[in-house]
Amino acid sequence: MRAFITWMVVCVLAIGCSPRQDPVVRAAQDLQRMAYDFAAEEEARQQGLRALRLGMSDSEVLALAGPPSARESRMLSAEESREVWIYRTAFRPVATLTFVNHRLTQIDIQ
């Protein structure tokens, strides 16, 4: 029992004596990590967009490029549908994809 109490006291002292990180330094590190993560996500999306090929299905495009920022759907006739997917970054549109009957027919990458 005495060994257990000694062990608990040592643990409490070790935790209490550990140096604490400056909150400003921690915030700066968090911001830097977020910026790196954002850049990596944008690069992955750009690579996915560059891998697209005409004739792909909408599910194949979703697998490569991820979900679009916006979608616009139109029924051209009972047999034909048209959908436009717009991909944006935080600052600007980067790609517009056009689908006819769920097949990629036009790629416009800015």
C-alpha atoms as a PDB file:
ATOM      1  CA  MET A   1       0.000   0.000   0.000  1.00  0.00           C
ATOM      2  CA  ARG A   2       2.825   2.344   0.894  1.00  0.00           C
ATOM      3  CA  ALA A   3       4.463   1.742  -2.495  1.00  0.00           C
ATOM      4  CA  PHE A   4       1.200   2.650  -4.213  1.00  0.00           C
ATOM      5  CA  ILE A   5       0.916   5.935  -2.314  1.00  0.00           C
ATOM      6  CA  THR A   6       4.543   6.749  -3.085  1.00  0.00           C
ATOM      7  CA  TRP A   7       3.935   5.993  -6.768  1.00  0.00           C
ATOM      8  CA  MET A   8       0.847   8.275  -6.821  1.00  0.00           C
ATOM      9  CA  VAL A   9       2.789  11.139  -5.179  1.00  0.00           C
ATOM     10  CA  VAL A  10       5.591  10.778  -7.745  1.00  0.00           C
ATOM     11  CA  CYS A  11       3.070  10.829 -10.606  1.00  0.00           C
ATOM     12  CA  VAL A  12       1.299  13.920  -9.288  1.00  0.00           C
ATOM     13  CA  LEU A  13       4.604  15.734  -8.816  1.00  0.00           C
ATOM     14  CA  ALA A  14       5.790  14.753 -12.294  1.00  0.00           C
ATOM     15  CA  ILE A  15       2.587  16.010 -13.891  1.00  0.00           C
ATOM     16  CA  GLY A  16       2.612  19.211 -11.871  1.00  0.00           C
ATOM     17  CA  CYS A  17       6.239  19.943 -12.697  1.00  0.00           C
ATOM     18  CA  SER A  18       5.974  19.442 -16.446  1.00  0.00           C
ATOM     19  CA  PRO A  19       6.599  22.648 -18.405  1.00  0.00           C
ATOM     20  CA  ARG A  20       3.516  24.276 -19.899  1.00  0.00           C
ATOM     21  CA  GLN A  21       3.591  25.589 -23.434  1.00  0.00           C
ATOM     22  CA  ASP A  22       3.008  29.279 -24.022  1.00  0.00           C
ATOM     23  CA  PRO A  23      -0.571  29.699 -25.371  1.00  0.00           C
ATOM     24  CA  VAL A  24       0.645  32.072 -28.109  1.00  0.00           C
ATOM     25  CA  VAL A  25       3.206  29.512 -29.304  1.00  0.00           C
ATOM     26  CA  ARG A  26       0.546  26.794 -29.218  1.00  0.00           C
ATOM     27  CA  ALA A  27      -1.849  28.960 -31.263  1.00  0.00           C
ATOM     28  CA  ALA A  28       0.857  29.706 -33.826  1.00  0.00           C
ATOM     29  CA  GLN A  29       1.676  26.001 -34.159  1.00  0.00           C
ATOM     30  CA  ASP A  30      -2.014  25.144 -34.555  1.00  0.00           C
ATOM     31  CA  LEU A  31      -2.406  27.808 -37.243  1.00  0.00           C
ATOM     32  CA  GLN A  32       0.657  26.539 -39.090  1.00  0.00           C
ATOM     33  CA  ARG A  33      -0.639  22.953 -38.953  1.00  0.00           C
ATOM     34  CA  MET A  34      -4.031  24.083 -40.278  1.00  0.00           C
ATOM     35  CA  ALA A  35      -2.372  25.963 -43.148  1.00  0.00           C
ATOM     36  CA  TYR A  36      -0.315  22.894 -44.101  1.00  0.00           C
ATOM     37  CA  ASP A  37      -3.420  20.670 -43.931  1.00  0.00           C
ATOM     38  CA  PHE A  38      -5.385  23.117 -46.091  1.00  0.00           C
ATOM     39  CA  ALA A  39      -2.593  23.259 -48.684  1.00  0.00           C
ATOM     40  CA  ALA A  40      -2.351  19.460 -48.763  1.00  0.00           C
ATOM     41  CA  GLU A  41      -6.120  19.126 -49.268  1.00  0.00           C
ATOM     42  CA  GLU A  42      -6.068  21.663 -52.098  1.00  0.00           C
ATOM     43  CA  GLU A  43      -3.152  19.879 -53.785  1.00  0.00           C
ATOM     44  CA  ALA A  44      -4.963  16.532 -53.510  1.00  0.00           C
ATOM     45  CA  ARG A  45      -8.091  18.060 -55.053  1.00  0.00           C
ATOM     46  CA  GLN A  46      -6.049  19.597 -57.901  1.00  0.00           C
ATOM     47  CA  GLN A  47      -4.439  16.223 -58.593  1.00  0.00           C
ATOM     48  CA  GLY A  48      -7.866  14.608 -58.652  1.00  0.00           C
ATOM     49  CA  LEU A  49      -9.180  17.235 -61.078  1.00  0.00           C
ATOM     50  CA  ARG A  50      -6.171  16.770 -63.373  1.00  0.00           C
ATOM     51  CA  ALA A  51      -6.846  13.008 -63.485  1.00  0.00           C
ATOM     52  CA  LEU A  52     -10.373  13.449 -64.868  1.00  0.00           C
ATOM     53  CA  ARG A  53     -11.203  12.237 -68.381  1.00  0.00           C
ATOM     54  CA  LEU A  54     -14.226  12.829 -70.570  1.00  0.00           C
ATOM     55  CA  GLY A  55     -16.758  10.013 -70.431  1.00  0.00           C
ATOM     56  CA  MET A  56     -16.263   9.265 -66.730  1.00  0.00           C
ATOM     57  CA  SER A  57     -19.356   8.649 -64.630  1.00  0.00           C
ATOM     58  CA  ASP A  58     -20.324  11.057 -61.878  1.00  0.00           C
ATOM     59  CA  SER A  59     -19.393   8.433 -59.260  1.00  0.00           C
ATOM     60  CA  GLU A  60     -15.896   8.070 -60.786  1.00  0.00           C
ATOM     61  CA  VAL A  61     -15.472  11.849 -60.659  1.00  0.00           C
ATOM     62  CA  LEU A  62     -16.603  11.921 -57.015  1.00  0.00           C
ATOM     63  CA  ALA A  63     -14.016   9.265 -56.174  1.00  0.00           C
ATOM     64  CA  LEU A  64     -11.194  11.291 -57.779  1.00  0.00           C
ATOM     65  CA  ALA A  65     -12.100  14.910 -57.091  1.00  0.00           C
ATOM     66  CA  GLY A  66     -14.450  14.677 -54.127  1.00  0.00           C
ATOM     67  CA  PRO A  67     -17.767  16.478 -53.799  1.00  0.00           C
ATOM     68  CA  PRO A  68     -18.213  19.788 -55.627  1.00  0.00           C
ATOM     69  CA  SER A  69     -18.786  23.107 -53.901  1.00  0.00           C
ATOM     70  CA  ALA A  70     -21.993  23.630 -55.891  1.00  0.00           C
ATOM     71  CA  ARG A  71     -24.229  21.661 -58.260  1.00  0.00           C
ATOM     72  CA  GLU A  72     -26.711  22.907 -60.841  1.00  0.00           C
ATOM     73  CA  SER A  73     -29.116  20.375 -62.395  1.00  0.00           C
ATOM     74  CA  ARG A  74     -31.381  20.735 -65.426  1.00  0.00           C
ATOM     75  CA  MET A  75     -33.635  18.306 -67.246  1.00  0.00           C
ATOM     76  CA  LEU A  76     -33.172  18.930 -70.980  1.00  0.00           C
ATOM     77  CA  SER A  77     -35.815  16.371 -71.928  1.00  0.00           C
ATOM     78  CA  ALA A  78     -37.387  13.242 -70.527  1.00  0.00           C
ATOM     79  CA  GLU A  79     -34.342  11.239 -71.659  1.00  0.00           C
ATOM     80  CA  GLU A  80     -31.572  13.772 -71.103  1.00  0.00           C
ATOM     81  CA  SER A  81     -30.311  15.478 -67.953  1.00  0.00           C
ATOM     82  CA  ARG A  82     -27.545  18.021 -67.586  1.00  0.00           C
ATOM     83  CA  GLU A  83     -25.636  18.804 -64.436  1.00  0.00           C
ATOM     84  CA  VAL A  84     -22.858  21.329 -63.792  1.00  0.00           C
ATOM     85  CA  TRP A  85     -20.486  20.862 -60.875  1.00  0.00           C
ATOM     86  CA  ILE A  86     -18.445  23.799 -59.634  1.00  0.00           C
ATOM     87  CA  TYR A  87     -15.305  23.306 -57.550  1.00  0.00           C
ATOM     88  CA  ARG A  88     -14.041  26.302 -55.552  1.00  0.00           C
ATOM     89  CA  THR A  89     -11.209  27.025 -53.203  1.00  0.00           C
ATOM     90  CA  ALA A  90     -11.681  29.490 -50.380  1.00  0.00           C
ATOM     91  CA  PHE A  91     -10.768  32.274 -52.791  1.00  0.00           C
ATOM     92  CA  ARG A  92     -11.929  31.404 -56.326  1.00  0.00           C
ATOM     93  CA  PRO A  93     -13.546  28.793 -58.574  1.00  0.00           C
ATOM     94  CA  VAL A  94     -10.998  26.276 -59.825  1.00  0.00           C
ATOM     95  CA  ALA A  95     -13.042  23.961 -62.071  1.00  0.00           C
ATOM     96  CA  THR A  96     -16.400  23.572 -63.745  1.00  0.00           C
ATOM     97  CA  LEU A  97     -17.500  20.112 -64.872  1.00  0.00           C
ATOM     98  CA  THR A  98     -20.484  19.398 -67.099  1.00  0.00           C
ATOM     99  CA  PHE A  99     -22.308  16.063 -67.119  1.00  0.00           C
ATOM    100  CA  VAL A 100     -24.929  14.850 -69.558  1.00  0.00           C
ATOM    101  CA  ASN A 101     -26.827  11.753 -68.419  1.00  0.00           C
ATOM    102  CA  HIS A 102     -24.337  11.268 -65.573  1.00  0.00           C
ATOM    103  CA  ARG A 103     -21.310  11.197 -67.913  1.00  0.00           C
ATOM    104  CA  LEU A 104     -18.578  13.860 -67.894  1.00  0.00           C
ATOM    105  CA  THR A 105     -18.787  15.812 -71.178  1.00  0.00           C
ATOM    106  CA  GLN A 106     -16.824  19.004 -70.462  1.00  0.00           C
ATOM    107  CA  ILE A 107     -13.952  19.950 -68.147  1.00  0.00           C
ATOM    108  CA  ASP A 108     -13.046  23.591 -67.559  1.00  0.00           C
ATOM    109  CA  ILE A 109     -10.130  24.016 -65.154  1.00  0.00           C
ATOM    110  CA  GLN A 110      -9.089  27.598 -64.395  1.00  0.00           C
END
